[in-house]
Amino acid sequence: METFNHNLASLFSQLGLNNSKEFIETFLAEHRLAQHEQLSDASFWQPAQKRFLKESQEQDADWCEVIDQLDALLRK
């Protein structure tokens, strides 16, 4: 069984976004989730990004841990 250690940079790359430290910091500063808003429902995602986030969590994919991390960071 293969084990993956994904981080925020690899998640941003998977989502088709710039994965530089500067871009990620700016993204986190400019985007927020409402209290009860699901990450995959946020208006700032493109349809394919929403689908990836939702399906990854539904399937308990190896991306779940870093997706949860992103979710938490967008709620600070």
N, C-alpha and C. Protein backbone atom coordinates (compact mmCIF):
# COMPACT_ATOMS: atom_id res chain seq x y z
N MET A 1 0.85 -1.18 0.00
CA MET A 1 0.00 0.00 0.00
C MET A 1 0.88 1.23 0.00
N GLU A 2 0.58 2.15 -0.87
CA GLU A 2 1.37 3.36 -1.00
C GLU A 2 0.84 4.44 -0.05
N THR A 3 1.75 5.11 0.63
CA THR A 3 1.37 6.17 1.55
C THR A 3 1.79 7.51 0.96
N PHE A 4 0.88 8.48 1.02
CA PHE A 4 1.16 9.81 0.49
C PHE A 4 1.24 10.80 1.63
N ASN A 5 2.17 11.72 1.53
CA ASN A 5 2.28 12.79 2.50
C ASN A 5 2.08 14.11 1.76
N HIS A 6 0.83 14.48 1.59
CA HIS A 6 0.51 15.71 0.89
C HIS A 6 0.63 16.89 1.84
N ASN A 7 0.97 18.05 1.26
CA ASN A 7 1.03 19.28 2.03
C ASN A 7 0.22 20.33 1.28
N LEU A 8 0.16 21.54 1.85
CA LEU A 8 -0.64 22.60 1.21
C LEU A 8 -0.16 22.90 -0.20
N ALA A 9 1.15 22.92 -0.40
CA ALA A 9 1.68 23.22 -1.73
C ALA A 9 1.21 22.17 -2.74
N SER A 10 1.25 20.90 -2.37
CA SER A 10 0.81 19.87 -3.31
C SER A 10 -0.70 19.93 -3.54
N LEU A 11 -1.47 20.31 -2.50
CA LEU A 11 -2.92 20.46 -2.68
C LEU A 11 -3.23 21.62 -3.62
N PHE A 12 -2.56 22.73 -3.45
CA PHE A 12 -2.79 23.87 -4.34
C PHE A 12 -2.44 23.49 -5.78
N SER A 13 -1.35 22.76 -5.95
CA SER A 13 -0.98 22.29 -7.28
C SER A 13 -2.05 21.37 -7.85
N GLN A 14 -2.56 20.45 -7.04
CA GLN A 14 -3.62 19.52 -7.47
C GLN A 14 -4.88 20.29 -7.88
N LEU A 15 -5.13 21.40 -7.21
CA LEU A 15 -6.30 22.23 -7.52
C LEU A 15 -6.06 23.16 -8.72
N GLY A 16 -4.88 23.08 -9.30
CA GLY A 16 -4.56 23.91 -10.46
C GLY A 16 -4.20 25.35 -10.10
N LEU A 17 -3.77 25.55 -8.85
CA LEU A 17 -3.42 26.88 -8.38
C LEU A 17 -1.91 27.00 -8.23
N ASN A 18 -1.44 28.22 -8.19
CA ASN A 18 -0.04 28.49 -7.91
C ASN A 18 0.26 27.90 -6.53
N ASN A 19 1.35 27.18 -6.40
CA ASN A 19 1.65 26.55 -5.12
C ASN A 19 2.83 27.18 -4.39
N SER A 20 3.15 28.41 -4.76
CA SER A 20 4.24 29.09 -4.06
C SER A 20 3.79 29.51 -2.67
N LYS A 21 4.73 29.62 -1.76
CA LYS A 21 4.44 30.02 -0.39
C LYS A 21 3.72 31.37 -0.37
N GLU A 22 4.16 32.30 -1.20
CA GLU A 22 3.57 33.64 -1.25
C GLU A 22 2.12 33.59 -1.70
N PHE A 23 1.84 32.81 -2.73
CA PHE A 23 0.47 32.70 -3.23
C PHE A 23 -0.43 32.09 -2.17
N ILE A 24 0.03 31.02 -1.54
CA ILE A 24 -0.79 30.35 -0.52
C ILE A 24 -1.08 31.30 0.63
N GLU A 25 -0.09 32.05 1.08
CA GLU A 25 -0.30 33.01 2.17
C GLU A 25 -1.31 34.08 1.77
N THR A 26 -1.21 34.58 0.54
CA THR A 26 -2.14 35.59 0.05
C THR A 26 -3.55 35.00 -0.07
N PHE A 27 -3.65 33.79 -0.60
CA PHE A 27 -4.94 33.11 -0.73
C PHE A 27 -5.62 32.98 0.64
N LEU A 28 -4.86 32.54 1.63
CA LEU A 28 -5.41 32.36 2.97
C LEU A 28 -5.81 33.70 3.60
N ALA A 29 -5.12 34.76 3.27
CA ALA A 29 -5.44 36.08 3.81
C ALA A 29 -6.69 36.66 3.14
N GLU A 30 -6.94 36.29 1.89
CA GLU A 30 -8.03 36.89 1.12
C GLU A 30 -9.32 36.07 1.11
N HIS A 31 -9.29 34.84 1.58
CA HIS A 31 -10.47 33.98 1.53
C HIS A 31 -10.83 33.49 2.92
N ARG A 32 -12.12 33.44 3.18
CA ARG A 32 -12.64 32.94 4.46
C ARG A 32 -13.87 32.09 4.21
N LEU A 33 -14.10 31.15 5.12
CA LEU A 33 -15.32 30.34 5.09
C LEU A 33 -16.26 30.83 6.17
N ALA A 34 -17.54 30.86 5.86
CA ALA A 34 -18.54 31.19 6.86
C ALA A 34 -18.61 30.05 7.87
N GLN A 35 -19.16 30.33 9.01
CA GLN A 35 -19.18 29.37 10.11
C GLN A 35 -19.67 27.99 9.72
N HIS A 36 -20.77 27.89 9.01
CA HIS A 36 -21.35 26.59 8.66
C HIS A 36 -21.14 26.21 7.20
N GLU A 37 -20.31 26.95 6.49
CA GLU A 37 -20.05 26.69 5.07
C GLU A 37 -19.07 25.53 4.91
N GLN A 38 -19.43 24.61 4.03
CA GLN A 38 -18.53 23.51 3.69
C GLN A 38 -17.44 24.03 2.76
N LEU A 39 -16.23 23.52 2.93
CA LEU A 39 -15.11 23.95 2.09
C LEU A 39 -15.44 23.81 0.61
N SER A 40 -16.00 22.68 0.23
CA SER A 40 -16.28 22.43 -1.19
C SER A 40 -17.42 23.29 -1.74
N ASP A 41 -18.16 23.97 -0.87
CA ASP A 41 -19.25 24.84 -1.32
C ASP A 41 -18.83 26.30 -1.46
N ALA A 42 -17.61 26.63 -1.09
CA ALA A 42 -17.16 28.03 -1.12
C ALA A 42 -17.22 28.58 -2.54
N SER A 43 -17.61 29.83 -2.63
CA SER A 43 -17.82 30.46 -3.94
C SER A 43 -16.53 30.72 -4.71
N PHE A 44 -15.40 30.66 -4.05
CA PHE A 44 -14.14 30.99 -4.73
C PHE A 44 -13.54 29.80 -5.49
N TRP A 45 -14.15 28.63 -5.42
CA TRP A 45 -13.66 27.47 -6.16
C TRP A 45 -14.32 27.37 -7.53
N GLN A 46 -13.60 26.83 -8.49
CA GLN A 46 -14.15 26.49 -9.79
C GLN A 46 -14.88 25.14 -9.63
N PRO A 47 -15.80 24.81 -10.53
CA PRO A 47 -16.56 23.55 -10.41
C PRO A 47 -15.67 22.30 -10.25
N ALA A 48 -14.62 22.20 -11.02
CA ALA A 48 -13.74 21.02 -10.92
C ALA A 48 -13.03 20.97 -9.57
N GLN A 49 -12.67 22.12 -9.03
CA GLN A 49 -12.03 22.17 -7.71
C GLN A 49 -13.02 21.74 -6.63
N LYS A 50 -14.24 22.22 -6.73
CA LYS A 50 -15.28 21.84 -5.77
C LYS A 50 -15.49 20.32 -5.80
N ARG A 51 -15.56 19.78 -6.99
CA ARG A 51 -15.78 18.34 -7.17
C ARG A 51 -14.63 17.55 -6.54
N PHE A 52 -13.40 17.97 -6.79
CA PHE A 52 -12.24 17.28 -6.23
C PHE A 52 -12.28 17.29 -4.70
N LEU A 53 -12.54 18.46 -4.11
CA LEU A 53 -12.57 18.57 -2.65
C LEU A 53 -13.68 17.70 -2.06
N LYS A 54 -14.85 17.77 -2.66
CA LYS A 54 -16.00 17.00 -2.15
C LYS A 54 -15.77 15.50 -2.28
N GLU A 55 -15.33 15.05 -3.45
CA GLU A 55 -15.11 13.63 -3.69
C GLU A 55 -13.97 13.09 -2.82
N SER A 56 -12.94 13.87 -2.63
CA SER A 56 -11.82 13.42 -1.80
C SER A 56 -12.28 13.16 -0.37
N GLN A 57 -13.12 14.05 0.15
CA GLN A 57 -13.59 13.87 1.51
C GLN A 57 -14.61 12.73 1.60
N GLU A 58 -15.48 12.62 0.62
CA GLU A 58 -16.48 11.54 0.64
C GLU A 58 -15.82 10.16 0.57
N GLN A 59 -14.72 10.08 -0.17
CA GLN A 59 -14.03 8.80 -0.35
C GLN A 59 -12.92 8.58 0.66
N ASP A 60 -12.79 9.51 1.61
CA ASP A 60 -11.72 9.44 2.61
C ASP A 60 -10.37 9.22 1.93
N ALA A 61 -10.14 9.99 0.87
CA ALA A 61 -8.92 9.86 0.07
C ALA A 61 -7.70 10.33 0.86
N ASP A 62 -6.53 10.04 0.30
CA ASP A 62 -5.29 10.41 0.97
C ASP A 62 -5.10 11.93 1.06
N TRP A 63 -5.95 12.69 0.40
CA TRP A 63 -5.89 14.15 0.47
C TRP A 63 -6.63 14.71 1.68
N CYS A 64 -7.40 13.90 2.38
CA CYS A 64 -8.29 14.39 3.44
C CYS A 64 -7.58 15.20 4.52
N GLU A 65 -6.43 14.75 4.96
CA GLU A 65 -5.74 15.43 6.04
C GLU A 65 -5.37 16.86 5.65
N VAL A 66 -4.81 17.04 4.48
CA VAL A 66 -4.41 18.38 4.06
C VAL A 66 -5.63 19.23 3.68
N ILE A 67 -6.70 18.61 3.20
CA ILE A 67 -7.94 19.33 2.94
C ILE A 67 -8.52 19.85 4.25
N ASP A 68 -8.48 19.02 5.28
CA ASP A 68 -8.94 19.46 6.60
C ASP A 68 -8.07 20.61 7.13
N GLN A 69 -6.79 20.54 6.86
CA GLN A 69 -5.89 21.61 7.27
C GLN A 69 -6.26 22.93 6.57
N LEU A 70 -6.51 22.85 5.27
CA LEU A 70 -6.93 24.04 4.52
C LEU A 70 -8.24 24.59 5.06
N ASP A 71 -9.19 23.71 5.34
CA ASP A 71 -10.46 24.11 5.91
C ASP A 71 -10.25 24.90 7.20
N ALA A 72 -9.41 24.37 8.08
CA ALA A 72 -9.14 25.03 9.36
C ALA A 72 -8.48 26.39 9.17
N LEU A 73 -7.55 26.47 8.25
CA LEU A 73 -6.85 27.73 7.98
C LEU A 73 -7.79 28.81 7.43
N LEU A 74 -8.80 28.39 6.68
CA LEU A 74 -9.75 29.33 6.11
C LEU A 74 -10.81 29.77 7.11
N ARG A 75 -10.78 29.22 8.30
CA ARG A 75 -11.72 29.59 9.35
C ARG A 75 -11.08 30.45 10.44
N LYS A 76 -9.79 30.72 10.36
CA LYS A 76 -9.09 31.52 11.37
C LYS A 76 -9.40 32.98 11.23
